[in-house]
C-alpha atoms as a PDB file:
ATOM      1  CA  MET A   1       0.000   0.000   0.000  1.00  0.00           C
ATOM      2  CA  ASN A   2       1.389   3.367  -1.001  1.00  0.00           C
ATOM      3  CA  CYS A   3       0.218   6.179   1.280  1.00  0.00           C
ATOM      4  CA  GLN A   4       1.484   9.666   0.763  1.00  0.00           C
ATOM      5  CA  VAL A   5       1.032  12.573   3.089  1.00  0.00           C
ATOM      6  CA  SER A   6       0.455  15.916   1.451  1.00  0.00           C
ATOM      7  CA  SER A   7       2.941  18.583   2.397  1.00  0.00           C
ATOM      8  CA  ARG A   8       0.366  21.278   1.657  1.00  0.00           C
ATOM      9  CA  ARG A   9      -0.712  23.009   4.825  1.00  0.00           C
ATOM     10  CA  SER A  10      -4.364  23.585   5.475  1.00  0.00           C
ATOM     11  CA  PRO A  11      -5.534  26.798   7.044  1.00  0.00           C
ATOM     12  CA  PRO A  12      -6.061  26.473  10.800  1.00  0.00           C
ATOM     13  CA  VAL A  13      -9.457  25.365  12.017  1.00  0.00           C
ATOM     14  CA  ARG A  14     -10.850  27.975  14.365  1.00  0.00           C
ATOM     15  CA  GLN A  15     -14.461  26.886  14.307  1.00  0.00           C
ATOM     16  CA  PHE A  16     -16.341  23.857  13.058  1.00  0.00           C
ATOM     17  CA  GLU A  17     -17.580  25.757   9.983  1.00  0.00           C
ATOM     18  CA  ASP A  18     -13.970  25.755   8.754  1.00  0.00           C
ATOM     19  CA  LEU A  19     -13.956  21.957   8.476  1.00  0.00           C
ATOM     20  CA  VAL A  20     -14.301  20.714   4.900  1.00  0.00           C
ATOM     21  CA  ALA A  21     -16.279  17.711   6.141  1.00  0.00           C
ATOM     22  CA  TRP A  22     -18.851  20.010   7.770  1.00  0.00           C
ATOM     23  CA  GLN A  23     -19.064  22.170   4.640  1.00  0.00           C
ATOM     24  CA  ARG A  24     -19.734  19.098   2.493  1.00  0.00           C
ATOM     25  CA  ALA A  25     -22.324  17.845   4.986  1.00  0.00           C
ATOM     26  CA  ARG A  26     -24.061  21.217   4.711  1.00  0.00           C
ATOM     27  CA  GLU A  27     -24.144  20.909   0.921  1.00  0.00           C
ATOM     28  CA  LEU A  28     -25.586  17.400   1.283  1.00  0.00           C
ATOM     29  CA  THR A  29     -28.244  18.692   3.665  1.00  0.00           C
ATOM     30  CA  LYS A  30     -29.259  21.393   1.184  1.00  0.00           C
ATOM     31  CA  CYS A  31     -29.601  18.745  -1.532  1.00  0.00           C
ATOM     32  CA  ILE A  32     -31.633  16.481   0.750  1.00  0.00           C
ATOM     33  CA  TYR A  33     -34.038  19.303   1.614  1.00  0.00           C
ATOM     34  CA  THR A  34     -34.450  20.142  -2.085  1.00  0.00           C
ATOM     35  CA  LEU A  35     -35.069  16.525  -3.058  1.00  0.00           C
ATOM     36  CA  THR A  36     -37.521  15.865  -0.244  1.00  0.00           C
ATOM     37  CA  MET A  37     -39.716  18.745  -1.418  1.00  0.00           C
ATOM     38  CA  LEU A  38     -40.410  16.787  -4.629  1.00  0.00           C
ATOM     39  CA  GLU A  39     -42.671  13.798  -5.271  1.00  0.00           C
ATOM     40  CA  PRO A  40     -43.025  11.266  -3.625  1.00  0.00           C
ATOM     41  CA  PHE A  41     -41.402  12.640  -0.454  1.00  0.00           C
ATOM     42  CA  CYS A  42     -43.434  15.830  -0.241  1.00  0.00           C
ATOM     43  CA  LYS A  43     -46.612  13.866   0.539  1.00  0.00           C
ATOM     44  CA  ASP A  44     -45.068  11.485   3.078  1.00  0.00           C
ATOM     45  CA  PHE A  45     -44.443  13.861   5.980  1.00  0.00           C
ATOM     46  CA  GLY A  46     -43.022  11.203   8.283  1.00  0.00           C
ATOM     47  CA  LEU A  47     -40.463   9.903   5.802  1.00  0.00           C
ATOM     48  CA  ARG A  48     -39.566  13.404   4.640  1.00  0.00           C
ATOM     49  CA  GLY A  49     -38.947  14.564   8.199  1.00  0.00           C
ATOM     50  CA  GLN A  50     -36.913  11.493   9.070  1.00  0.00           C
ATOM     51  CA  ILE A  51     -34.627  11.912   6.053  1.00  0.00           C
ATOM     52  CA  GLN A  52     -34.198  15.631   6.716  1.00  0.00           C
ATOM     53  CA  ARG A  53     -33.357  15.029  10.386  1.00  0.00           C
ATOM     54  CA  ALA A  54     -30.808  12.374   9.389  1.00  0.00           C
ATOM     55  CA  ALA A  55     -29.067  14.846   7.075  1.00  0.00           C
ATOM     56  CA  VAL A  56     -28.964  17.518   9.792  1.00  0.00           C
ATOM     57  CA  SER A  57     -27.641  14.905  12.207  1.00  0.00           C
ATOM     58  CA  VAL A  58     -24.542  14.426  10.055  1.00  0.00           C
ATOM     59  CA  MET A  59     -23.743  18.145  10.313  1.00  0.00           C
ATOM     60  CA  SER A  60     -24.417  18.167  14.038  1.00  0.00           C
ATOM     61  CA  ASN A  61     -22.210  15.164  14.739  1.00  0.00           C
ATOM     62  CA  ILE A  62     -19.296  16.704  12.845  1.00  0.00           C
ATOM     63  CA  ALA A  63     -19.770  19.967  14.760  1.00  0.00           C
ATOM     64  CA  GLU A  64     -19.648  18.137  18.084  1.00  0.00           C
END
């Protein structure tokens, strides 16, 4: 296995919003909310809410 470590330095993380993982999770959450407003999710309030909460949970767990 060939693993290389990048010598590029990342900017310091001062708050969780600086984390690339959190930023990507936020983008995912936006997509999930957009998709769940369409058929068939928009009519199934329970499923829509559960999927939306799961997406938000990813962001929250990274922030913790």
